[in-house]
Amino acid sequence: MNASPVLSPVACRVLGALLEKELTVPATYPLTMNALVAACNQTTGRDPVMAVDEAAATAAIDELRAAGMARLVHASHGARSIKYRQAVVEALELDAPRRAVLTVLTLRGPQTSGELRSRTDRLHPFASVEEVEATLAHLAERDEPLVVHLPRHPGQKERRWGHALAGEPTEPNPLPAELMPLAAFVGSWAGAGAGSYPTIDAFGYAEQIEIRPVPGKPILAYRSATKASDDGRTLHGESGFLRMVGAGDVELVVAQGSGLVEVAEGVVDATSESTELMLASVAVAGTSTAKQVTATERRYRVVADTLTYDLDMAAVGQPLLPHLHATLTRHGV
């Protein structure tokens, strides 16, 4: 077996997408370029979420072909386009368990062995975490390791594994000690919610939330974007910052695309089972054309990889009433 080259991040994403789709959608595999780009840019099961265009995917395919890890499937009579397939299983001599682990690591970044067991279920059914760890050990003990056991940062219960196809993997920067009570909220989240209020019709929405540490600062950056469930139109966007200001005390400042600025204070309560964040506005201000909002309350709860929240609002002459409820799933740390 030839020495494994160091791949670019986009090539790793393309390779992971090819490996995944061969098993999960065999009827449409090999993939067309459009299908490959869509697989790379999924917002579920990907960390980080990428915006890979056709030019970048084509360059990544060329990179993988040069390494013997991907192949073209030329259009046959009556077919309209070239398709693409992985060749890394043969090139790196991967059996089903090793293939499954490497696939998920290329798509979702560093993970614990427990996370890998739950996230490989559509690719290969591991009977136990110990079986995953045995597979990881085999990949790590090769002459050229394909995975690496990463150091455990403060606040992490378990060490994570990362793939080595793009060189030595690294963990994201650990959270400052001040932010550890909010650690469960850090990551990329996607899901769906429902909204209602006495002055509007009920509606459904899809939402993506990003909560990330700000390098060098003891604060978290927060961003949310929602789209209508029925036609995909943009509904709402907001961004701001969370910071700890004491033992369990939290402040939130959020600017909304609708012309509002919300300042809220509250508490975070973290246990071994869940983390809950409860915030109430201390000030809500708006532009002259913004909807009149006088108060809000936000309640967030994380259990494992699920985030739920409720938002109550007092607006346009109404008292504080339920407005939004959503359930999101973590798609990357």
Foldseek 3Di string as FASTA:
>chain_A
DDDFAAADLLLLLLLLLQLVCCQVPVVCPQDFLVVSQCSSQDVFLAPPRDNDDSVNNVVSQVVCVVRQFKDWDADDVPGDGIGIHTRVCVVVVDDQLLSLQSSSQSGFNWDALVVSQVVSCSRDHDPDSVSSVVSQVVQCPPPRRQKDFADDDPLDPDTIMHGQSNHDDDDPDDADPQCSLVVLVAAKKKWKKWWDDPVDDIFIKIKIKHWADDPPDNKIKIKMWIAGPPPRHTDWIKIWIWHHDDDFKIWTWMDIPLFKIWIWIFGWDDDPFKIKTKIKTPAMDGDPPHFAWGIKIKIWMDGPFKIKMWMWTATPPRDTGTTMIIIIGGNHD
